[in-house]
Amino acid sequence: MSRIIEIRPYRNGWQCFEGPAVEPFWVGNVAKEQVLGYGKERAKFGRCEIRVLDGAGAITETFEFTKAEY
C-alpha cells in the first residue's frame, strides 16, 4: 500500500497534508510550486501518491512514485 499526500488550498495558501501533525503550508506567489516540491521530496521515502485538490476537494492532478524511481 502506498501513502497518500494531498496538496490542497489552505488559508490563502497551499497545504501538504500527510496526516495529523504533518501538514505544513505555504503562502505567497509561488506557494503551490513550493508545496509540490516538498511533497515530491517526501515521496522519496517509499511508495507514494500525491493528489492535488482544488478548493472543492476534487482531484485535479496525481503523481505516483515508487521507491524504485529513486
N, C-alpha and C. Protein backbone atom coordinates (compact mmCIF):
# COMPACT_ATOMS: atom_id res chain seq x y z
N MET A 1 0.85 -1.19 0.00
CA MET A 1 0.00 0.00 0.00
C MET A 1 0.89 1.25 0.00
N SER A 2 0.46 2.24 -0.71
CA SER A 2 1.25 3.47 -0.77
C SER A 2 0.62 4.56 0.09
N ARG A 3 1.47 5.47 0.49
CA ARG A 3 0.99 6.64 1.24
C ARG A 3 0.31 7.59 0.29
N ILE A 4 -0.56 8.41 0.82
CA ILE A 4 -1.22 9.44 0.03
C ILE A 4 -0.89 10.80 0.65
N ILE A 5 -0.38 11.69 -0.17
CA ILE A 5 -0.12 13.06 0.24
C ILE A 5 -1.08 13.94 -0.55
N GLU A 6 -1.79 14.80 0.15
CA GLU A 6 -2.72 15.71 -0.51
C GLU A 6 -2.17 17.13 -0.51
N ILE A 7 -2.17 17.74 -1.67
CA ILE A 7 -1.80 19.14 -1.83
C ILE A 7 -3.11 19.87 -2.05
N ARG A 8 -3.43 20.82 -1.15
CA ARG A 8 -4.74 21.46 -1.25
C ARG A 8 -4.68 22.91 -0.80
N PRO A 9 -5.62 23.72 -1.31
CA PRO A 9 -5.69 25.11 -0.87
C PRO A 9 -5.97 25.17 0.63
N TYR A 10 -5.33 26.14 1.31
CA TYR A 10 -5.48 26.24 2.75
C TYR A 10 -5.12 27.64 3.21
N ARG A 11 -6.04 28.32 3.85
CA ARG A 11 -5.80 29.65 4.43
C ARG A 11 -5.05 30.61 3.51
N ASN A 12 -5.57 30.83 2.33
CA ASN A 12 -4.95 31.71 1.34
C ASN A 12 -3.57 31.25 0.89
N GLY A 13 -3.30 29.97 1.01
CA GLY A 13 -2.04 29.38 0.56
C GLY A 13 -2.29 27.94 0.13
N TRP A 14 -1.27 27.11 0.30
CA TRP A 14 -1.36 25.70 -0.07
C TRP A 14 -0.80 24.84 1.06
N GLN A 15 -1.40 23.69 1.27
CA GLN A 15 -1.02 22.78 2.35
C GLN A 15 -0.61 21.43 1.77
N CYS A 16 0.37 20.81 2.41
CA CYS A 16 0.80 19.45 2.09
C CYS A 16 0.36 18.57 3.25
N PHE A 17 -0.72 17.82 3.07
CA PHE A 17 -1.27 17.01 4.15
C PHE A 17 -0.87 15.56 4.00
N GLU A 18 -0.10 15.05 4.98
CA GLU A 18 0.27 13.63 5.02
C GLU A 18 -0.52 12.90 6.09
N GLY A 19 -0.88 13.58 7.14
CA GLY A 19 -1.61 13.01 8.26
C GLY A 19 -1.64 14.02 9.38
N PRO A 20 -2.39 13.73 10.44
CA PRO A 20 -2.43 14.66 11.56
C PRO A 20 -1.02 15.00 12.06
N ALA A 21 -0.77 16.25 12.27
CA ALA A 21 0.51 16.79 12.75
C ALA A 21 1.60 16.83 11.67
N VAL A 22 1.30 16.39 10.45
CA VAL A 22 2.24 16.50 9.34
C VAL A 22 1.50 17.20 8.21
N GLU A 23 1.32 18.50 8.38
CA GLU A 23 0.53 19.26 7.42
C GLU A 23 1.01 20.70 7.28
N PRO A 24 2.28 20.89 6.84
CA PRO A 24 2.79 22.25 6.67
C PRO A 24 2.08 22.97 5.53
N PHE A 25 2.11 24.30 5.57
CA PHE A 25 1.51 25.06 4.47
C PHE A 25 2.37 26.25 4.11
N TRP A 26 2.17 26.73 2.88
CA TRP A 26 2.93 27.84 2.32
C TRP A 26 1.98 28.91 1.82
N VAL A 27 2.44 30.13 1.83
CA VAL A 27 1.67 31.25 1.27
C VAL A 27 2.59 32.02 0.33
N GLY A 28 2.01 32.82 -0.53
CA GLY A 28 2.80 33.63 -1.46
C GLY A 28 2.55 33.24 -2.90
N ASN A 29 3.22 33.96 -3.78
CA ASN A 29 3.02 33.78 -5.22
C ASN A 29 3.44 32.41 -5.74
N VAL A 30 4.43 31.80 -5.13
CA VAL A 30 4.93 30.51 -5.61
C VAL A 30 4.63 29.39 -4.63
N ALA A 31 3.63 29.58 -3.80
CA ALA A 31 3.30 28.60 -2.75
C ALA A 31 2.97 27.23 -3.33
N LYS A 32 2.21 27.18 -4.41
CA LYS A 32 1.82 25.89 -4.98
C LYS A 32 3.05 25.13 -5.47
N GLU A 33 3.97 25.80 -6.14
CA GLU A 33 5.18 25.15 -6.62
C GLU A 33 6.04 24.66 -5.46
N GLN A 34 6.12 25.47 -4.39
CA GLN A 34 6.91 25.09 -3.23
C GLN A 34 6.33 23.87 -2.53
N VAL A 35 5.01 23.85 -2.35
CA VAL A 35 4.39 22.72 -1.66
C VAL A 35 4.48 21.45 -2.51
N LEU A 36 4.38 21.57 -3.83
CA LEU A 36 4.57 20.40 -4.70
C LEU A 36 6.00 19.86 -4.59
N GLY A 37 6.96 20.75 -4.56
CA GLY A 37 8.35 20.34 -4.39
C GLY A 37 8.57 19.61 -3.08
N TYR A 38 7.98 20.14 -2.02
CA TYR A 38 8.08 19.50 -0.71
C TYR A 38 7.44 18.11 -0.75
N GLY A 39 6.26 18.01 -1.34
CA GLY A 39 5.57 16.72 -1.43
C GLY A 39 6.38 15.71 -2.22
N LYS A 40 7.01 16.14 -3.30
CA LYS A 40 7.82 15.22 -4.10
C LYS A 40 9.06 14.76 -3.34
N GLU A 41 9.64 15.63 -2.54
CA GLU A 41 10.77 15.22 -1.70
C GLU A 41 10.34 14.19 -0.66
N ARG A 42 9.17 14.40 -0.05
CA ARG A 42 8.64 13.45 0.93
C ARG A 42 8.32 12.11 0.29
N ALA A 43 7.95 12.12 -0.98
CA ALA A 43 7.59 10.89 -1.69
C ALA A 43 8.78 9.97 -1.87
N LYS A 44 9.98 10.47 -1.72
CA LYS A 44 11.19 9.66 -1.90
C LYS A 44 11.34 8.58 -0.83
N PHE A 45 10.55 8.63 0.22
CA PHE A 45 10.69 7.68 1.31
C PHE A 45 9.88 6.41 1.11
N GLY A 46 9.47 6.11 -0.11
CA GLY A 46 8.74 4.88 -0.39
C GLY A 46 7.62 5.12 -1.38
N ARG A 47 6.77 4.13 -1.55
CA ARG A 47 5.64 4.25 -2.48
C ARG A 47 4.72 5.36 -2.00
N CYS A 48 4.31 6.20 -2.94
CA CYS A 48 3.51 7.36 -2.56
C CYS A 48 2.70 7.85 -3.75
N GLU A 49 1.55 8.39 -3.46
CA GLU A 49 0.74 9.07 -4.46
C GLU A 49 0.46 10.47 -3.96
N ILE A 50 0.73 11.46 -4.80
CA ILE A 50 0.43 12.84 -4.46
C ILE A 50 -0.82 13.22 -5.22
N ARG A 51 -1.80 13.74 -4.50
CA ARG A 51 -3.05 14.20 -5.11
C ARG A 51 -3.15 15.71 -4.92
N VAL A 52 -3.34 16.43 -6.02
CA VAL A 52 -3.54 17.87 -5.96
C VAL A 52 -5.04 18.12 -6.03
N LEU A 53 -5.57 18.81 -5.03
CA LEU A 53 -7.01 19.06 -4.93
C LEU A 53 -7.32 20.52 -5.22
N ASP A 54 -8.54 20.77 -5.67
CA ASP A 54 -8.98 22.15 -5.83
C ASP A 54 -9.75 22.58 -4.58
N GLY A 55 -10.27 23.77 -4.58
CA GLY A 55 -10.98 24.30 -3.41
C GLY A 55 -12.20 23.51 -3.00
N ALA A 56 -12.80 22.77 -3.93
CA ALA A 56 -13.98 21.96 -3.63
C ALA A 56 -13.61 20.55 -3.18
N GLY A 57 -12.32 20.22 -3.20
CA GLY A 57 -11.87 18.90 -2.77
C GLY A 57 -11.77 17.88 -3.89
N ALA A 58 -11.97 18.30 -5.14
CA ALA A 58 -11.85 17.40 -6.28
C ALA A 58 -10.38 17.26 -6.69
N ILE A 59 -9.98 16.07 -7.09
CA ILE A 59 -8.61 15.82 -7.52
C ILE A 59 -8.41 16.41 -8.91
N THR A 60 -7.38 17.26 -9.06
CA THR A 60 -7.09 17.87 -10.35
C THR A 60 -5.85 17.26 -11.01
N GLU A 61 -4.93 16.73 -10.21
CA GLU A 61 -3.71 16.09 -10.71
C GLU A 61 -3.30 14.99 -9.75
N THR A 62 -2.60 13.98 -10.27
CA THR A 62 -2.00 12.96 -9.41
C THR A 62 -0.59 12.68 -9.90
N PHE A 63 0.28 12.34 -8.96
CA PHE A 63 1.65 11.93 -9.25
C PHE A 63 1.89 10.66 -8.45
N GLU A 64 2.39 9.61 -9.10
CA GLU A 64 2.68 8.36 -8.40
C GLU A 64 4.18 8.12 -8.38
N PHE A 65 4.67 7.65 -7.24
CA PHE A 65 6.09 7.39 -7.06
C PHE A 65 6.26 5.99 -6.48
N THR A 66 7.27 5.31 -6.95
CA THR A 66 7.67 4.03 -6.35
C THR A 66 9.08 4.18 -5.86
N LYS A 67 9.46 3.41 -4.89
CA LYS A 67 10.81 3.51 -4.34
C LYS A 67 11.86 3.25 -5.41
N ALA A 68 11.54 2.43 -6.41
CA ALA A 68 12.48 2.11 -7.47
C ALA A 68 12.87 3.32 -8.31
N GLU A 69 12.04 4.36 -8.30
CA GLU A 69 12.33 5.56 -9.09
C GLU A 69 13.49 6.37 -8.53
N TYR A 70 13.89 6.10 -7.29
CA TYR A 70 14.95 6.90 -6.66
C TYR A 70 16.15 6.07 -6.44
